[in-house]
Amino acid sequence: MPILKISTVLNTSPEMRQRLIQRLTDVVTEEMNVPPQTVNILIEHVDATCWGVAGNDLTEFVNKRG
């Protein structure tokens, strides 16, 4: 049972999430030769202050890079 997990700080609309779920399911079923019923897609929104990069939360990291 393939499980794909996407973590993002981007706000995604319900339509975008549905497109992602469908397209990723299509790819996995084709490439792994598994039925679509076995494919699980998890889309997780993470607040930028809870995402760390180079010792800083993502907000600080982006601000430092300019």
N, C-alpha and C. Protein backbone atom coordinates (compact mmCIF):
# COMPACT_ATOMS: atom_id res chain seq x y z
N MET A 1 0.84 -1.17 0.00
CA MET A 1 0.00 0.00 0.00
C MET A 1 0.89 1.24 0.00
N PRO A 2 1.06 1.91 -1.14
CA PRO A 2 1.88 3.12 -1.20
C PRO A 2 1.24 4.26 -0.42
N ILE A 3 2.08 4.98 0.32
CA ILE A 3 1.64 6.16 1.06
C ILE A 3 2.56 7.31 0.66
N LEU A 4 1.98 8.39 0.14
CA LEU A 4 2.75 9.58 -0.21
C LEU A 4 2.34 10.67 0.75
N LYS A 5 3.33 11.33 1.36
CA LYS A 5 3.05 12.42 2.28
C LYS A 5 3.71 13.68 1.76
N ILE A 6 2.91 14.72 1.61
CA ILE A 6 3.40 16.02 1.15
C ILE A 6 3.22 17.00 2.30
N SER A 7 4.31 17.62 2.71
CA SER A 7 4.26 18.67 3.72
C SER A 7 4.56 19.98 3.02
N THR A 8 3.73 20.99 3.28
CA THR A 8 3.90 22.27 2.61
C THR A 8 3.53 23.42 3.53
N VAL A 9 4.17 24.55 3.32
CA VAL A 9 3.79 25.76 4.03
C VAL A 9 2.84 26.60 3.18
N LEU A 10 2.65 26.19 1.95
CA LEU A 10 1.74 26.91 1.05
C LEU A 10 0.30 26.60 1.42
N ASN A 11 -0.54 27.62 1.36
CA ASN A 11 -1.96 27.38 1.55
C ASN A 11 -2.52 26.84 0.24
N THR A 12 -3.11 25.67 0.31
CA THR A 12 -3.65 25.04 -0.89
C THR A 12 -5.16 25.03 -0.84
N SER A 13 -5.77 25.28 -1.98
CA SER A 13 -7.22 25.27 -2.05
C SER A 13 -7.72 23.82 -2.13
N PRO A 14 -8.97 23.60 -1.81
CA PRO A 14 -9.52 22.24 -1.96
C PRO A 14 -9.37 21.72 -3.39
N GLU A 15 -9.51 22.60 -4.37
CA GLU A 15 -9.38 22.19 -5.77
C GLU A 15 -7.95 21.73 -6.06
N MET A 16 -6.97 22.48 -5.57
CA MET A 16 -5.57 22.12 -5.79
C MET A 16 -5.26 20.77 -5.12
N ARG A 17 -5.74 20.60 -3.90
CA ARG A 17 -5.50 19.34 -3.21
C ARG A 17 -6.13 18.17 -3.97
N GLN A 18 -7.33 18.35 -4.49
CA GLN A 18 -7.98 17.28 -5.23
C GLN A 18 -7.20 16.94 -6.50
N ARG A 19 -6.71 17.97 -7.21
CA ARG A 19 -5.90 17.72 -8.40
C ARG A 19 -4.63 16.96 -8.06
N LEU A 20 -3.97 17.38 -6.99
CA LEU A 20 -2.75 16.69 -6.55
C LEU A 20 -3.04 15.23 -6.21
N ILE A 21 -4.08 15.01 -5.46
CA ILE A 21 -4.45 13.65 -5.07
C ILE A 21 -4.70 12.80 -6.31
N GLN A 22 -5.46 13.31 -7.26
CA GLN A 22 -5.76 12.54 -8.46
C GLN A 22 -4.52 12.28 -9.31
N ARG A 23 -3.73 13.31 -9.54
CA ARG A 23 -2.55 13.16 -10.40
C ARG A 23 -1.50 12.26 -9.77
N LEU A 24 -1.28 12.42 -8.46
CA LEU A 24 -0.31 11.55 -7.79
C LEU A 24 -0.79 10.10 -7.76
N THR A 25 -2.07 9.91 -7.54
CA THR A 25 -2.62 8.55 -7.58
C THR A 25 -2.42 7.94 -8.96
N ASP A 26 -2.67 8.70 -10.01
CA ASP A 26 -2.48 8.21 -11.37
C ASP A 26 -1.03 7.78 -11.61
N VAL A 27 -0.09 8.61 -11.19
CA VAL A 27 1.34 8.30 -11.38
C VAL A 27 1.72 7.03 -10.63
N VAL A 28 1.31 6.95 -9.36
CA VAL A 28 1.69 5.80 -8.55
C VAL A 28 1.08 4.51 -9.10
N THR A 29 -0.18 4.56 -9.51
CA THR A 29 -0.80 3.34 -10.04
C THR A 29 -0.12 2.90 -11.33
N GLU A 30 0.26 3.86 -12.16
CA GLU A 30 0.94 3.52 -13.42
C GLU A 30 2.36 3.00 -13.18
N GLU A 31 3.12 3.71 -12.38
CA GLU A 31 4.53 3.36 -12.18
C GLU A 31 4.74 2.14 -11.29
N MET A 32 3.85 1.95 -10.30
CA MET A 32 4.03 0.86 -9.35
C MET A 32 3.11 -0.33 -9.65
N ASN A 33 2.25 -0.14 -10.67
CA ASN A 33 1.33 -1.20 -11.08
C ASN A 33 0.49 -1.70 -9.89
N VAL A 34 -0.13 -0.76 -9.20
CA VAL A 34 -1.00 -1.09 -8.07
C VAL A 34 -2.38 -0.48 -8.33
N PRO A 35 -3.43 -1.05 -7.74
CA PRO A 35 -4.75 -0.48 -7.91
C PRO A 35 -4.89 0.86 -7.16
N PRO A 36 -5.68 1.78 -7.69
CA PRO A 36 -5.83 3.09 -7.06
C PRO A 36 -6.36 3.01 -5.62
N GLN A 37 -7.12 1.99 -5.31
CA GLN A 37 -7.67 1.85 -3.96
C GLN A 37 -6.59 1.66 -2.90
N THR A 38 -5.40 1.29 -3.34
CA THR A 38 -4.33 1.05 -2.37
C THR A 38 -3.43 2.27 -2.16
N VAL A 39 -3.65 3.31 -2.93
CA VAL A 39 -2.79 4.50 -2.86
C VAL A 39 -3.35 5.51 -1.85
N ASN A 40 -2.51 5.90 -0.91
CA ASN A 40 -2.88 6.89 0.09
C ASN A 40 -2.04 8.14 -0.09
N ILE A 41 -2.70 9.30 -0.13
CA ILE A 41 -2.02 10.57 -0.28
C ILE A 41 -2.36 11.42 0.94
N LEU A 42 -1.34 11.91 1.63
CA LEU A 42 -1.54 12.78 2.78
C LEU A 42 -0.96 14.15 2.47
N ILE A 43 -1.77 15.19 2.57
CA ILE A 43 -1.29 16.55 2.35
C ILE A 43 -1.40 17.29 3.67
N GLU A 44 -0.24 17.70 4.17
CA GLU A 44 -0.17 18.32 5.49
C GLU A 44 0.30 19.76 5.37
N HIS A 45 -0.48 20.68 5.93
CA HIS A 45 -0.06 22.08 5.98
C HIS A 45 0.74 22.28 7.26
N VAL A 46 1.91 22.90 7.13
CA VAL A 46 2.77 23.17 8.27
C VAL A 46 2.97 24.68 8.36
N ASP A 47 2.75 25.23 9.52
CA ASP A 47 2.99 26.65 9.73
C ASP A 47 4.48 26.94 9.53
N ALA A 48 4.81 28.04 8.88
CA ALA A 48 6.20 28.38 8.57
C ALA A 48 7.06 28.50 9.83
N THR A 49 6.45 28.84 10.96
CA THR A 49 7.22 28.95 12.19
C THR A 49 7.53 27.58 12.79
N CYS A 50 6.93 26.53 12.23
CA CYS A 50 7.18 25.16 12.70
C CYS A 50 8.04 24.38 11.72
N TRP A 51 8.59 25.05 10.74
CA TRP A 51 9.42 24.41 9.71
C TRP A 51 10.81 25.01 9.84
N GLY A 52 11.81 24.20 10.15
CA GLY A 52 13.16 24.71 10.36
C GLY A 52 14.07 24.46 9.17
N VAL A 53 14.85 25.47 8.83
CA VAL A 53 15.86 25.38 7.77
C VAL A 53 17.10 26.12 8.26
N ALA A 54 18.23 25.46 8.22
CA ALA A 54 19.52 26.08 8.57
C ALA A 54 19.49 26.73 9.94
N GLY A 55 18.82 26.10 10.90
CA GLY A 55 18.82 26.60 12.26
C GLY A 55 17.79 27.68 12.55
N ASN A 56 16.96 28.01 11.59
CA ASN A 56 15.93 29.04 11.76
C ASN A 56 14.59 28.50 11.31
N ASP A 57 13.51 29.12 11.83
CA ASP A 57 12.22 28.74 11.25
C ASP A 57 12.17 29.31 9.84
N LEU A 58 11.28 28.79 9.04
CA LEU A 58 11.24 29.15 7.61
C LEU A 58 11.02 30.64 7.40
N THR A 59 10.24 31.27 8.25
CA THR A 59 10.00 32.71 8.12
C THR A 59 11.31 33.48 8.25
N GLU A 60 12.09 33.15 9.27
CA GLU A 60 13.39 33.82 9.48
C GLU A 60 14.35 33.49 8.34
N PHE A 61 14.37 32.25 7.91
CA PHE A 61 15.27 31.83 6.82
C PHE A 61 14.99 32.64 5.56
N VAL A 62 13.72 32.78 5.21
CA VAL A 62 13.34 33.53 4.01
C VAL A 62 13.70 35.01 4.18
N ASN A 63 13.44 35.57 5.36
CA ASN A 63 13.76 36.98 5.62
C ASN A 63 15.27 37.25 5.52
N LYS A 64 16.07 36.31 6.01
CA LYS A 64 17.53 36.49 5.95
C LYS A 64 18.07 36.41 4.54
N ARG A 65 17.42 35.58 3.70
CA ARG A 65 17.88 35.43 2.32
C ARG A 65 17.48 36.60 1.46
N GLY A 66 16.45 37.32 1.91
CA GLY A 66 16.00 38.51 1.19
C GLY A 66 15.18 38.15 0.04
